[in-house]
Amino acid sequence: MTVPERAYKIAESVLVVIHTPALEVLLIRRADAGTWQSVTGSKDHDLESWHETAVREVGEETGINALATAMRLHDWALENVYEIYSAWRWRYAPGVSRNTERVFGLQVPCRQPVMLNPREHTEYSWVPWREAADQVFSPSNAEAILMLPRMSEQVRG
C-alpha cells in the first residue's frame, strides 16, 4: 500500500528499549542534540500499528531486524503522554502540543552490531540498565529503562 507523504509528523510515537538478557541496554546518541536515547520514532501514517512502527523504527535507527527468530519484541502496553518540546513543535500540525508514546522492549540474544544513520545518530553504546537510565535525556525513557527488570521477567515468565 502506498501512503502519501505527510506534511506534518503524527503525534504518536514508539519508544523501544533494546536490551540483552543480562539487561545491557542499547543507547544511541542523537546527531541533532547530542543526547543519548533508546530507539524512538513516530508513526509514518495513521493506519500504521504500534507494532509496525516499532519494527520499522528499530530497523531504520539500528539496522536490527526486530522480527528475526532470536529477537523478542514485546509491547509493554504502556503509553506516555507528554508536551512536545517547543523547539520541535514546527514538525507537527498547528495546535498539536502533546505526543502519545507507546513503550516496547526488544530482547536480543546478545549485543548486536548496530548500523546508524549518521544524519540521525552519531554513536551507540551497550550500557548496564541502571547506568543507561542515568544517561538518557528523556524522563519517559529513563522510567522505561528502570522498569526493564520487571518487564523482562514478565516476558520470560
Protein backbone atom coordinates (compact mmCIF):
# COMPACT_ATOMS: atom_id res chain seq x y z
CA MET A 1 0.00 0.00 0.00
CA THR A 2 1.43 3.38 -0.99
CA VAL A 3 0.75 6.10 1.51
CA PRO A 4 1.23 9.75 0.56
CA GLU A 5 3.91 11.62 2.50
CA ARG A 6 2.51 13.72 5.32
CA ALA A 7 3.21 17.41 5.68
CA TYR A 8 3.42 17.02 9.47
CA LYS A 9 4.59 14.35 11.89
CA ILE A 10 1.93 12.26 13.61
CA ALA A 11 1.90 12.89 17.37
CA GLU A 12 2.01 9.15 18.09
CA SER A 13 5.41 7.55 18.59
CA VAL A 14 7.13 4.48 19.97
CA LEU A 15 9.93 4.07 22.47
CA VAL A 16 11.79 0.76 22.12
CA VAL A 17 14.20 -0.30 24.86
CA ILE A 18 16.59 -2.75 23.19
CA HIS A 19 18.35 -4.99 25.71
CA THR A 20 20.21 -8.26 26.23
CA PRO A 21 19.13 -10.97 28.72
CA ALA A 22 21.81 -9.53 31.06
CA LEU A 23 19.92 -6.19 30.87
CA GLU A 24 22.54 -4.32 28.90
CA VAL A 25 20.67 -1.54 27.10
CA LEU A 26 21.46 -0.15 23.67
CA LEU A 27 21.74 3.65 23.72
CA ILE A 28 22.14 5.80 20.61
CA ARG A 29 23.33 9.42 20.54
CA ARG A 30 21.16 11.91 18.63
CA ALA A 31 23.02 13.85 15.95
CA ASP A 32 20.89 17.00 16.39
CA ALA A 33 21.03 17.27 20.19
CA GLY A 34 23.95 15.10 21.29
CA THR A 35 21.77 13.36 23.87
CA TRP A 36 21.51 9.61 24.50
CA GLN A 37 18.27 7.69 23.97
CA SER A 38 16.65 4.40 23.13
CA VAL A 39 15.03 3.94 19.73
CA THR A 40 12.14 6.35 19.21
CA GLY A 41 10.07 7.43 16.26
CA SER A 42 6.66 8.50 15.05
CA LYS A 43 4.11 6.59 13.03
CA ASP A 44 4.53 7.08 9.28
CA HIS A 45 0.79 7.07 8.63
CA ASP A 46 -2.47 6.86 10.56
CA LEU A 47 -3.04 3.18 9.76
CA GLU A 48 0.42 2.04 10.87
CA SER A 49 0.09 -0.04 14.05
CA TRP A 50 2.25 0.49 17.14
CA HIS A 51 3.95 -2.85 16.43
CA GLU A 52 4.69 -1.95 12.80
CA THR A 53 6.09 1.40 13.91
CA ALA A 54 8.35 -0.27 16.49
CA VAL A 55 9.70 -2.80 13.97
CA ARG A 56 10.30 -0.11 11.34
CA GLU A 57 12.00 2.33 13.74
CA VAL A 58 14.31 -0.35 15.18
CA GLY A 59 15.38 -1.26 11.64
CA GLU A 60 15.80 2.33 10.49
CA GLU A 61 17.73 3.50 13.54
CA THR A 62 19.90 0.44 14.29
CA GLY A 63 19.75 -1.99 11.37
CA ILE A 64 18.45 -4.68 13.77
CA ASN A 65 15.64 -6.86 12.44
CA ALA A 66 13.14 -6.96 15.31
CA LEU A 67 11.26 -9.80 13.61
CA ALA A 68 14.25 -12.16 13.43
CA THR A 69 13.73 -15.50 15.15
CA ALA A 70 16.08 -14.82 18.08
CA MET A 71 14.51 -11.43 18.86
CA ARG A 72 11.68 -10.90 21.35
CA LEU A 73 9.70 -7.72 20.69
CA HIS A 74 7.20 -7.10 23.46
CA ASP A 75 4.55 -4.39 23.66
CA TRP A 76 4.61 -3.26 27.29
CA ALA A 77 1.07 -1.86 26.86
CA LEU A 78 2.21 1.41 28.42
CA GLU A 79 1.64 4.85 26.98
CA ASN A 80 3.18 8.15 27.99
CA VAL A 81 1.55 11.44 27.01
CA TYR A 82 3.82 14.45 27.17
CA GLU A 83 4.23 18.01 25.93
CA ILE A 84 6.23 18.25 22.73
CA TYR A 85 9.27 20.48 23.29
CA SER A 86 8.63 23.88 21.71
CA ALA A 87 11.82 23.56 19.62
CA TRP A 88 10.25 20.58 17.81
CA ARG A 89 6.61 21.70 17.52
CA TRP A 90 7.13 23.02 13.98
CA ARG A 91 7.24 19.37 12.86
CA TYR A 92 3.60 18.90 13.92
CA ALA A 93 0.33 20.40 12.68
CA PRO A 94 -0.62 23.79 14.14
CA GLY A 95 -2.19 23.39 17.57
CA VAL A 96 -0.61 19.98 18.26
CA SER A 97 1.32 20.18 21.51
CA ARG A 98 1.12 16.68 23.01
CA ASN A 99 2.52 13.33 21.88
CA THR A 100 1.45 9.82 22.82
CA GLU A 101 4.38 7.41 23.13
CA ARG A 102 3.88 3.61 23.24
CA VAL A 103 6.61 1.63 25.05
CA PHE A 104 8.14 -1.62 23.78
CA GLY A 105 11.02 -3.82 24.83
CA LEU A 106 13.17 -5.75 22.38
CA GLN A 107 15.28 -8.50 23.88
CA VAL A 108 18.18 -9.52 21.67
CA PRO A 109 20.19 -12.68 22.46
CA CYS A 110 23.46 -10.72 22.88
CA ARG A 111 24.99 -7.38 21.95
CA GLN A 112 24.17 -6.83 18.29
CA PRO A 113 26.16 -4.96 15.66
CA VAL A 114 24.46 -1.62 15.02
CA MET A 115 24.30 0.37 11.78
CA LEU A 116 23.47 4.01 12.46
CA ASN A 117 22.22 6.62 10.02
CA PRO A 118 24.76 9.44 10.64
CA ARG A 119 22.12 12.10 9.91
CA GLU A 120 20.14 10.85 12.93
CA HIS A 121 22.66 9.26 15.33
CA THR A 122 26.41 9.57 15.78
CA GLU A 123 27.34 6.67 18.06
CA TYR A 124 25.97 3.80 20.11
CA SER A 125 26.81 2.03 23.34
CA TRP A 126 25.65 -1.07 25.22
CA VAL A 127 25.24 0.03 28.86
CA PRO A 128 24.09 -1.70 32.09
CA TRP A 129 20.45 -0.77 32.70
CA ARG A 130 20.90 1.44 35.78
CA GLU A 131 23.66 3.41 34.07
CA ALA A 132 21.54 3.67 30.92
CA ALA A 133 18.65 5.16 32.89
CA ASP A 134 21.01 7.84 34.20
CA GLN A 135 22.38 8.66 30.73
CA VAL A 136 19.20 9.21 28.72
CA PHE A 137 17.78 12.70 28.25
CA SER A 138 14.07 11.82 28.22
CA PRO A 139 12.33 11.22 31.56
CA SER A 140 9.97 8.68 29.94
CA ASN A 141 12.96 6.83 28.50
CA ALA A 142 14.66 6.73 31.92
CA GLU A 143 11.44 5.46 33.52
CA ALA A 144 11.08 2.71 30.91
CA ILE A 145 14.66 1.56 31.44
CA LEU A 146 14.10 1.46 35.21
CA MET A 147 11.09 -0.81 34.55
CA LEU A 148 13.21 -3.16 32.43
CA PRO A 149 14.00 -5.83 35.08
CA ARG A 150 10.29 -6.28 35.89
CA MET A 151 9.11 -6.15 32.27
CA SER A 152 11.86 -8.50 31.11
CA GLU A 153 10.87 -11.02 33.79
CA GLN A 154 7.23 -10.89 32.62
CA VAL A 155 8.31 -11.70 29.06
CA ARG A 156 10.43 -14.65 30.22
CA GLY A 157 7.80 -15.85 32.71
